[in-house]
Amino acid sequence: MVLKMEEGMRSLGKASLKELSPDDLVALDTYTAEVTGVKRIY
């Protein structure tokens, strides 16, 4: 799982997980979006 996270992070041009922000992430459902504060994918 960690390798997949690192691969996704690098595809966003980030060198560290610390560089990720909510703007880099999306939620797959409304509940997750509300809890995490990231936008929904749809």
PDB file of N, CA and C in Angstrom:
ATOM      1  N   MET A   1       0.816  -1.186   0.000  1.00  0.00           N
ATOM      2  CA  MET A   1       0.000   0.000   0.000  1.00  0.00           C
ATOM      3  C   MET A   1       0.866   1.259   0.000  1.00  0.00           C
ATOM      4  N   VAL A   2       1.934   1.255   0.754  1.00  0.00           N
ATOM      5  CA  VAL A   2       2.807   2.426   0.840  1.00  0.00           C
ATOM      6  C   VAL A   2       3.443   2.724  -0.510  1.00  0.00           C
ATOM      7  N   LEU A   3       3.831   1.691  -1.239  1.00  0.00           N
ATOM      8  CA  LEU A   3       4.440   1.905  -2.550  1.00  0.00           C
ATOM      9  C   LEU A   3       3.469   2.582  -3.503  1.00  0.00           C
ATOM     10  N   LYS A   4       2.203   2.212  -3.452  1.00  0.00           N
ATOM     11  CA  LYS A   4       1.190   2.851  -4.298  1.00  0.00           C
ATOM     12  C   LYS A   4       1.008   4.314  -3.911  1.00  0.00           C
ATOM     13  N   MET A   5       1.055   4.615  -2.617  1.00  0.00           N
ATOM     14  CA  MET A   5       0.946   6.003  -2.171  1.00  0.00           C
ATOM     15  C   MET A   5       2.141   6.813  -2.661  1.00  0.00           C
ATOM     16  N   GLU A   6       3.323   6.235  -2.580  1.00  0.00           N
ATOM     17  CA  GLU A   6       4.522   6.931  -3.042  1.00  0.00           C
ATOM     18  C   GLU A   6       4.475   7.158  -4.547  1.00  0.00           C
ATOM     19  N   GLU A   7       3.990   6.177  -5.292  1.00  0.00           N
ATOM     20  CA  GLU A   7       3.881   6.312  -6.743  1.00  0.00           C
ATOM     21  C   GLU A   7       2.906   7.435  -7.109  1.00  0.00           C
ATOM     22  N   GLY A   8       1.763   7.475  -6.438  1.00  0.00           N
ATOM     23  CA  GLY A   8       0.788   8.534  -6.684  1.00  0.00           C
ATOM     24  C   GLY A   8       1.332   9.904  -6.328  1.00  0.00           C
ATOM     25  N   MET A   9       2.047   9.985  -5.224  1.00  0.00           N
ATOM     26  CA  MET A   9       2.642  11.238  -4.783  1.00  0.00           C
ATOM     27  C   MET A   9       3.646  11.750  -5.818  1.00  0.00           C
ATOM     28  N   ARG A  10       4.467  10.871  -6.321  1.00  0.00           N
ATOM     29  CA  ARG A  10       5.463  11.269  -7.325  1.00  0.00           C
ATOM     30  C   ARG A  10       4.795  11.711  -8.621  1.00  0.00           C
ATOM     31  N   SER A  11       3.664  11.081  -8.969  1.00  0.00           N
ATOM     32  CA  SER A  11       2.967  11.479 -10.194  1.00  0.00           C
ATOM     33  C   SER A  11       2.398  12.893 -10.071  1.00  0.00           C
ATOM     34  N   LEU A  12       2.204  13.362  -8.848  1.00  0.00           N
ATOM     35  CA  LEU A  12       1.759  14.731  -8.609  1.00  0.00           C
ATOM     36  C   LEU A  12       2.935  15.703  -8.521  1.00  0.00           C
ATOM     37  N   GLY A  13       4.147  15.186  -8.648  1.00  0.00           N
ATOM     38  CA  GLY A  13       5.328  16.037  -8.587  1.00  0.00           C
ATOM     39  C   GLY A  13       5.766  16.366  -7.173  1.00  0.00           C
ATOM     40  N   LYS A  14       5.367  15.549  -6.214  1.00  0.00           N
ATOM     41  CA  LYS A  14       5.721  15.779  -4.810  1.00  0.00           C
ATOM     42  C   LYS A  14       6.856  14.842  -4.411  1.00  0.00           C
ATOM     43  N   ALA A  15       7.758  15.329  -3.578  1.00  0.00           N
ATOM     44  CA  ALA A  15       8.886  14.514  -3.131  1.00  0.00           C
ATOM     45  C   ALA A  15       8.623  13.862  -1.780  1.00  0.00           C
ATOM     46  N   SER A  16       7.606  14.343  -1.070  1.00  0.00           N
ATOM     47  CA  SER A  16       7.321  13.841   0.273  1.00  0.00           C
ATOM     48  C   SER A  16       5.818  13.872   0.521  1.00  0.00           C
ATOM     49  N   LEU A  17       5.337  12.945   1.349  1.00  0.00           N
ATOM     50  CA  LEU A  17       3.917  12.960   1.713  1.00  0.00           C
ATOM     51  C   LEU A  17       3.543  14.247   2.443  1.00  0.00           C
ATOM     52  N   LYS A  18       4.511  14.866   3.094  1.00  0.00           N
ATOM     53  CA  LYS A  18       4.263  16.120   3.805  1.00  0.00           C
ATOM     54  C   LYS A  18       3.899  17.251   2.851  1.00  0.00           C
ATOM     55  N   GLU A  19       4.267  17.116   1.578  1.00  0.00           N
ATOM     56  CA  GLU A  19       3.972  18.151   0.589  1.00  0.00           C
ATOM     57  C   GLU A  19       2.542  18.075   0.063  1.00  0.00           C
ATOM     58  N   LEU A  20       1.848  16.981   0.329  1.00  0.00           N
ATOM     59  CA  LEU A  20       0.471  16.838  -0.141  1.00  0.00           C
ATOM     60  C   LEU A  20      -0.456  17.744   0.656  1.00  0.00           C
ATOM     61  N   SER A  21      -1.446  18.295  -0.026  1.00  0.00           N
ATOM     62  CA  SER A  21      -2.452  19.121   0.637  1.00  0.00           C
ATOM     63  C   SER A  21      -3.834  18.619   0.236  1.00  0.00           C
ATOM     64  N   PRO A  22      -4.883  19.081   0.891  1.00  0.00           N
ATOM     65  CA  PRO A  22      -6.233  18.662   0.504  1.00  0.00           C
ATOM     66  C   PRO A  22      -6.552  18.956  -0.963  1.00  0.00           C
ATOM     67  N   ASP A  23      -5.909  19.959  -1.544  1.00  0.00           N
ATOM     68  CA  ASP A  23      -6.137  20.271  -2.959  1.00  0.00           C
ATOM     69  C   ASP A  23      -5.599  19.185  -3.883  1.00  0.00           C
ATOM     70  N   ASP A  24      -4.686  18.364  -3.400  1.00  0.00           N
ATOM     71  CA  ASP A  24      -4.112  17.283  -4.203  1.00  0.00           C
ATOM     72  C   ASP A  24      -4.955  16.010  -4.135  1.00  0.00           C
ATOM     73  N   LEU A  25      -5.925  15.972  -3.230  1.00  0.00           N
ATOM     74  CA  LEU A  25      -6.680  14.749  -2.964  1.00  0.00           C
ATOM     75  C   LEU A  25      -8.153  14.910  -3.319  1.00  0.00           C
ATOM     76  N   VAL A  26      -8.837  13.780  -3.552  1.00  0.00           N
ATOM     77  CA  VAL A  26     -10.285  13.783  -3.776  1.00  0.00           C
ATOM     78  C   VAL A  26     -10.917  12.649  -2.983  1.00  0.00           C
ATOM     79  N   ALA A  27     -12.178  12.824  -2.633  1.00  0.00           N
ATOM     80  CA  ALA A  27     -12.936  11.796  -1.917  1.00  0.00           C
ATOM     81  C   ALA A  27     -13.873  11.098  -2.893  1.00  0.00           C
ATOM     82  N   LEU A  28     -14.101   9.819  -2.660  1.00  0.00           N
ATOM     83  CA  LEU A  28     -14.973   9.036  -3.531  1.00  0.00           C
ATOM     84  C   LEU A  28     -16.435   9.097  -3.120  1.00  0.00           C
ATOM     85  N   ASP A  29     -16.723   9.632  -1.935  1.00  0.00           N
ATOM     86  CA  ASP A  29     -18.119   9.738  -1.501  1.00  0.00           C
ATOM     87  C   ASP A  29     -18.301  10.986  -0.636  1.00  0.00           C
ATOM     88  N   THR A  30     -19.545  11.358  -0.451  1.00  0.00           N
ATOM     89  CA  THR A  30     -19.882  12.576   0.287  1.00  0.00           C
ATOM     90  C   THR A  30     -19.422  12.518   1.736  1.00  0.00           C
ATOM     91  N   TYR A  31     -19.635  11.399   2.399  1.00  0.00           N
ATOM     92  CA  TYR A  31     -19.255  11.278   3.809  1.00  0.00           C
ATOM     93  C   TYR A  31     -17.753  11.507   3.996  1.00  0.00           C
ATOM     94  N   THR A  32     -16.942  10.845   3.180  1.00  0.00           N
ATOM     95  CA  THR A  32     -15.490  10.998   3.293  1.00  0.00           C
ATOM     96  C   THR A  32     -15.076  12.437   3.008  1.00  0.00           C
ATOM     97  N   ALA A  33     -15.707  13.069   2.035  1.00  0.00           N
ATOM     98  CA  ALA A  33     -15.404  14.462   1.719  1.00  0.00           C
ATOM     99  C   ALA A  33     -15.692  15.365   2.913  1.00  0.00           C
ATOM    100  N   GLU A  34     -16.826  15.151   3.567  1.00  0.00           N
ATOM    101  CA  GLU A  34     -17.191  15.975   4.720  1.00  0.00           C
ATOM    102  C   GLU A  34     -16.253  15.754   5.900  1.00  0.00           C
ATOM    103  N   VAL A  35     -15.884  14.513   6.153  1.00  0.00           N
ATOM    104  CA  VAL A  35     -15.029  14.188   7.299  1.00  0.00           C
ATOM    105  C   VAL A  35     -13.602  14.689   7.095  1.00  0.00           C
ATOM    106  N   THR A  36     -13.079  14.557   5.873  1.00  0.00           N
ATOM    107  CA  THR A  36     -11.677  14.895   5.619  1.00  0.00           C
ATOM    108  C   THR A  36     -11.457  16.318   5.125  1.00  0.00           C
ATOM    109  N   GLY A  37     -12.507  16.942   4.602  1.00  0.00           N
ATOM    110  CA  GLY A  37     -12.359  18.299   4.092  1.00  0.00           C
ATOM    111  C   GLY A  37     -11.795  18.374   2.689  1.00  0.00           C
ATOM    112  N   VAL A  38     -11.787  17.260   1.971  1.00  0.00           N
ATOM    113  CA  VAL A  38     -11.335  17.281   0.579  1.00  0.00           C
ATOM    114  C   VAL A  38     -12.553  17.278  -0.338  1.00  0.00           C
ATOM    115  N   LYS A  39     -12.369  17.724  -1.571  1.00  0.00           N
ATOM    116  CA  LYS A  39     -13.504  17.797  -2.497  1.00  0.00           C
ATOM    117  C   LYS A  39     -13.873  16.409  -3.021  1.00  0.00           C
ATOM    118  N   ARG A  40     -15.147  16.272  -3.398  1.00  0.00           N
ATOM    119  CA  ARG A  40     -15.604  15.009  -3.986  1.00  0.00           C
ATOM    120  C   ARG A  40     -15.113  14.904  -5.420  1.00  0.00           C
ATOM    121  N   ILE A  41     -14.939  13.697  -5.897  1.00  0.00           N
ATOM    122  CA  ILE A  41     -14.455  13.479  -7.250  1.00  0.00           C
ATOM    123  C   ILE A  41     -15.538  13.783  -8.282  1.00  0.00           C
ATOM    124  N   TYR A  42     -16.796  13.751  -7.881  1.00  0.00           N
ATOM    125  CA  TYR A  42     -17.900  14.016  -8.817  1.00  0.00           C
ATOM    126  C   TYR A  42     -18.674  15.241  -8.412  1.00  0.00           C
TER     127      TYR A  42
END
